[in-house]
Amino acid sequence: MADELPITITIAGRPYKLTINRSEEETIRKAAKLIEGQIGHYAGNYRYSDKQDLLAMVALHFTTTAMYAQNEASFVTNNLSPNLKDIDSILTEALKD
């Protein structure tokens, strides 16, 4: 496919060859860099037996971060959006007068 791009990223010292959509390249490279940064953080601050320990901690870090973001998005969708729609309706009605 013309829109696909072969790239190699390195995570925990291992290269991974991927074929991705060109539009995803920047995001995937940033994600790999974030993972490497977290691995470096945990390697510098905690005792570990091997890189699998570091990868497990990084996976836990990013999963909990994603869960917090999902909970926040759910709160906005379920609690704030209806209130904002009500406020918008009130203001729209008030501006008509």
Protein backbone atom coordinates (compact mmCIF):
# COMPACT_ATOMS: atom_id res chain seq x y z
CA MET A 1 0.00 0.00 0.00
CA ALA A 2 1.26 3.47 -0.83
CA ASP A 3 0.08 4.92 2.48
CA GLU A 4 2.04 2.41 4.56
CA LEU A 5 5.51 3.02 5.93
CA PRO A 6 8.01 0.50 7.36
CA ILE A 7 9.69 1.83 10.51
CA THR A 8 11.84 0.46 13.30
CA ILE A 9 11.37 1.58 16.87
CA THR A 10 13.41 0.53 19.88
CA ILE A 11 11.86 -0.35 23.19
CA ALA A 12 13.96 -1.57 26.12
CA GLY A 13 16.93 -2.01 23.85
CA ARG A 14 15.11 -4.19 21.34
CA PRO A 15 14.29 -3.09 17.81
CA TYR A 16 10.77 -3.65 16.53
CA LYS A 17 10.00 -3.45 12.82
CA LEU A 18 6.51 -2.19 12.10
CA THR A 19 4.51 -1.34 9.02
CA ILE A 20 2.22 1.56 9.83
CA ASN A 21 0.09 4.18 8.13
CA ARG A 22 2.13 7.30 7.40
CA SER A 23 -0.33 9.33 9.44
CA GLU A 24 0.55 7.29 12.54
CA GLU A 25 4.32 7.69 12.38
CA GLU A 26 4.69 10.72 14.63
CA THR A 27 2.37 9.29 17.28
CA ILE A 28 4.09 5.90 17.31
CA ARG A 29 7.56 7.43 17.53
CA LYS A 30 6.42 9.70 20.39
CA ALA A 31 4.87 6.72 22.18
CA ALA A 32 8.10 4.73 21.87
CA LYS A 33 10.04 7.72 23.20
CA LEU A 34 7.66 8.04 26.16
CA ILE A 35 8.06 4.34 26.94
CA GLU A 36 11.85 4.66 26.80
CA GLY A 37 11.66 7.69 29.10
CA GLN A 38 9.60 5.81 31.66
CA ILE A 39 11.93 2.82 31.46
CA GLY A 40 14.82 5.18 32.20
CA HIS A 41 12.92 6.71 35.10
CA TYR A 42 12.17 3.35 36.71
CA ALA A 43 15.68 2.04 36.02
CA GLY A 44 17.17 5.06 37.76
CA ASN A 45 14.86 5.07 40.76
CA TYR A 46 13.97 1.45 41.55
CA ARG A 47 15.71 -1.87 41.93
CA TYR A 48 14.92 -4.40 39.24
CA SER A 49 16.04 -7.86 38.15
CA ASP A 50 15.66 -7.46 34.40
CA LYS A 51 14.02 -5.28 31.78
CA GLN A 52 10.78 -7.22 32.08
CA ASP A 53 10.36 -5.72 35.56
CA LEU A 54 10.80 -2.25 34.06
CA LEU A 55 8.36 -2.98 31.25
CA ALA A 56 5.79 -4.22 33.77
CA MET A 57 6.08 -0.98 35.75
CA VAL A 58 5.81 1.10 32.57
CA ALA A 59 2.74 -0.88 31.51
CA LEU A 60 1.20 -0.27 34.94
CA HIS A 61 2.04 3.44 34.75
CA PHE A 62 0.49 3.99 31.32
CA THR A 63 -2.53 1.79 32.04
CA THR A 64 -3.40 3.66 35.23
CA THR A 65 -2.89 6.97 33.41
CA ALA A 66 -5.26 5.81 30.66
CA MET A 67 -7.81 4.67 33.26
CA TYR A 68 -7.73 8.06 35.00
CA ALA A 69 -8.21 9.80 31.64
CA GLN A 70 -11.08 7.48 30.77
CA ASN A 71 -12.76 8.16 34.13
CA GLU A 72 -12.37 11.90 33.62
CA ALA A 73 -13.80 11.73 30.10
CA SER A 74 -16.70 9.65 31.39
CA PHE A 75 -17.36 12.22 34.12
CA VAL A 76 -17.38 15.04 31.57
CA THR A 77 -19.68 13.12 29.24
CA ASN A 78 -22.09 11.96 31.91
CA ASN A 79 -22.11 14.91 34.31
CA LEU A 80 -20.86 18.08 32.71
CA SER A 81 -22.22 17.80 29.18
CA PRO A 82 -25.89 17.68 30.21
CA ASN A 83 -25.38 20.70 32.49
CA LEU A 84 -23.60 22.61 29.75
CA LYS A 85 -26.45 21.85 27.34
CA ASP A 86 -28.93 23.18 29.90
CA ILE A 87 -26.87 26.35 30.38
CA ASP A 88 -26.61 26.78 26.61
CA SER A 89 -30.38 26.45 26.26
CA ILE A 90 -30.97 29.02 29.02
CA LEU A 91 -28.51 31.49 27.47
CA THR A 92 -29.90 30.97 23.97
CA GLU A 93 -33.41 31.62 25.25
CA ALA A 94 -32.27 34.71 27.19
CA LEU A 95 -30.54 36.16 24.13
CA LYS A 96 -33.69 35.81 22.04
CA ASP A 97 -35.52 38.34 24.23
